[in-house]
Amino acid sequence: MPKIRITKEFTFEMAHALWNYDGPCRNIHGHSYKMYVTVIGEPLNDPENPKHGMVIDFTDLKRIVNQEVVNKLDHAFMISKKAPAQAIKNLEQMFEKQVFTDYQPSVENMLLDFAERIIKQLPENVKLYSLRLHETATAYAEWFAEDQ
């Protein structure tokens, strides 16, 4: 049976800073992220199944991506663990939702992280095909399974 790709768009607001970076993004700043998640698979061929004709129910894909990425990061502040984490943790009022990463939170590294999280939650018959993460209206990074 032929494979079909489906895509769902997600949005979230998040601040980050690039620790030890040599440009303006070393300062805390925020983005209105837009992420496109594309999965690939064969549509279910079972007329008795309520998901007949679907690769994955969009509701299920939305639940996975929201659980693994959006809900954890929306209105959060993300920074590398190499930054002085204790000083940041003490700023509770402005930084209640802090995410400390093992990586520099560039859009490229975030995509690698997001792909890993999403892949672990997808049903066996559905594969992550690509991710596109827009940091601004004119700048984005892409991840493709075939490149891995």
Protein backbone atom coordinates (compact mmCIF):
# COMPACT_ATOMS: atom_id res chain seq x y z
CA MET A 1 0.00 0.00 0.00
CA PRO A 2 1.30 3.51 -0.73
CA LYS A 3 2.74 5.64 2.02
CA ILE A 4 1.17 8.98 2.92
CA ARG A 5 2.70 11.92 4.79
CA ILE A 6 0.59 14.07 7.06
CA THR A 7 1.64 17.32 8.73
CA LYS A 8 0.36 19.20 11.76
CA GLU A 9 1.39 22.70 12.79
CA PHE A 10 2.13 23.66 16.39
CA THR A 11 2.95 27.00 18.01
CA PHE A 12 4.49 27.96 21.32
CA GLU A 13 6.17 30.94 22.95
CA MET A 14 9.55 30.41 24.55
CA ALA A 15 12.56 32.39 25.71
CA HIS A 16 16.11 31.18 25.58
CA ALA A 17 19.69 32.37 25.72
CA LEU A 18 22.79 30.92 24.10
CA TRP A 19 25.36 30.60 26.88
CA ASN A 20 28.89 31.66 25.90
CA TYR A 21 27.73 32.69 22.41
CA ASP A 22 29.51 35.59 20.69
CA GLY A 23 26.43 37.36 19.31
CA PRO A 24 23.27 39.08 20.53
CA CYS A 25 21.47 35.77 21.15
CA ARG A 26 23.60 35.33 24.28
CA ASN A 27 21.02 37.62 25.89
CA ILE A 28 17.68 36.31 27.04
CA HIS A 29 15.17 36.72 24.23
CA GLY A 30 11.98 35.07 23.10
CA HIS A 31 10.42 33.66 19.96
CA SER A 32 7.00 32.73 18.70
CA TYR A 33 7.95 29.27 17.51
CA LYS A 34 6.05 27.52 14.76
CA MET A 35 6.74 23.83 14.29
CA TYR A 36 5.56 21.55 11.50
CA VAL A 37 5.56 17.85 12.34
CA THR A 38 5.31 15.46 9.39
CA VAL A 39 4.84 11.73 9.83
CA ILE A 40 4.67 8.98 7.22
CA GLY A 41 2.94 5.64 7.09
CA GLU A 42 0.38 3.50 5.36
CA PRO A 43 -3.25 4.45 5.94
CA LEU A 44 -5.01 1.86 8.08
CA ASN A 45 -6.86 -0.58 5.84
CA ASP A 46 -9.50 -1.98 8.15
CA PRO A 47 -13.11 -0.92 7.44
CA GLU A 48 -14.12 -2.12 10.92
CA ASN A 49 -11.62 0.18 12.65
CA PRO A 50 -12.78 3.75 13.42
CA LYS A 51 -9.33 4.98 12.24
CA HIS A 52 -9.79 3.32 8.82
CA GLY A 53 -8.04 5.31 6.09
CA MET A 54 -5.78 7.24 8.51
CA VAL A 55 -2.01 7.15 8.93
CA ILE A 56 -2.54 8.53 12.45
CA ASP A 57 -5.45 10.43 13.90
CA PHE A 58 -4.49 14.12 14.03
CA THR A 59 -5.81 14.14 17.60
CA ASP A 60 -3.27 11.46 18.56
CA LEU A 61 -0.42 13.31 16.86
CA LYS A 62 -1.46 16.52 18.63
CA ARG A 63 -1.50 14.74 22.00
CA ILE A 64 1.99 13.31 21.45
CA VAL A 65 3.60 16.57 20.33
CA ASN A 66 1.88 18.65 23.00
CA GLN A 67 2.88 16.17 25.70
CA GLU A 68 6.50 15.83 24.58
CA VAL A 69 7.29 19.37 23.42
CA VAL A 70 4.70 22.15 23.50
CA ASN A 71 3.32 21.78 27.02
CA LYS A 72 6.83 21.50 28.47
CA LEU A 73 8.21 24.53 26.64
CA ASP A 74 5.38 27.02 26.11
CA HIS A 75 6.21 30.16 28.09
CA ALA A 76 9.37 28.57 29.45
CA PHE A 77 12.95 29.79 29.59
CA MET A 78 15.51 27.39 28.09
CA ILE A 79 19.26 27.52 28.66
CA SER A 80 22.23 25.16 28.71
CA LYS A 81 23.18 23.54 32.01
CA LYS A 82 26.62 25.08 31.48
CA ALA A 83 25.17 28.47 32.44
CA PRO A 84 25.13 29.39 36.16
CA ALA A 85 22.00 27.37 36.76
CA GLN A 86 21.72 28.02 40.50
CA ALA A 87 21.59 31.78 39.98
CA ILE A 88 18.80 31.35 37.42
CA LYS A 89 16.87 28.90 39.59
CA ASN A 90 16.78 31.50 42.37
CA LEU A 91 14.87 33.93 40.14
CA GLU A 92 11.58 32.17 40.72
CA GLN A 93 9.04 34.87 39.89
CA MET A 94 10.29 35.51 36.38
CA PHE A 95 11.61 32.02 35.75
CA GLU A 96 9.07 29.61 37.19
CA LYS A 97 9.23 27.42 34.10
CA GLN A 98 12.92 26.74 33.48
CA VAL A 99 14.35 24.13 31.15
CA PHE A 100 18.03 23.31 31.50
CA THR A 101 19.44 21.33 28.60
CA ASP A 102 22.56 19.27 28.03
CA TYR A 103 22.95 21.19 24.77
CA GLN A 104 23.14 24.76 23.52
CA PRO A 105 19.46 25.58 22.83
CA SER A 106 19.91 26.60 19.22
CA VAL A 107 17.04 25.85 16.86
CA GLU A 108 19.17 23.07 15.35
CA ASN A 109 19.81 21.33 18.66
CA MET A 110 16.22 21.78 19.75
CA LEU A 111 15.08 19.92 16.63
CA LEU A 112 17.36 16.98 17.43
CA ASP A 113 15.88 16.84 20.93
CA PHE A 114 12.28 17.18 19.72
CA ALA A 115 12.71 14.47 17.09
CA GLU A 116 14.01 12.03 19.69
CA ARG A 117 11.11 12.78 22.04
CA ILE A 118 8.43 12.45 19.35
CA ILE A 119 9.85 9.27 17.78
CA LYS A 120 9.66 7.46 21.13
CA GLN A 121 5.91 8.11 21.37
CA LEU A 122 4.72 7.37 17.83
CA PRO A 123 2.87 4.12 17.10
CA GLU A 124 5.04 1.41 15.55
CA ASN A 125 3.46 1.80 12.09
CA VAL A 126 4.05 5.58 11.96
CA LYS A 127 7.47 7.14 11.42
CA LEU A 128 8.61 10.70 11.93
CA TYR A 129 9.42 12.02 8.45
CA SER A 130 10.43 15.62 9.16
CA LEU A 131 10.31 18.54 11.54
CA ARG A 132 10.49 22.21 10.63
CA LEU A 133 10.96 24.71 13.44
CA HIS A 134 10.53 28.42 12.69
CA GLU A 135 12.27 30.68 15.17
CA THR A 136 11.14 33.77 13.28
CA ALA A 137 8.99 34.37 10.23
CA THR A 138 12.07 34.17 8.02
CA ALA A 139 14.40 31.74 9.83
CA TYR A 140 13.91 28.04 10.45
CA ALA A 141 15.72 24.71 10.70
CA GLU A 142 14.64 21.35 9.35
CA TRP A 143 15.18 17.75 10.43
CA PHE A 144 14.60 14.85 8.02
CA ALA A 145 14.64 11.18 9.05
CA GLU A 146 16.42 10.24 5.81
CA ASP A 147 19.38 12.43 6.83
CA GLN A 148 19.93 10.64 10.12
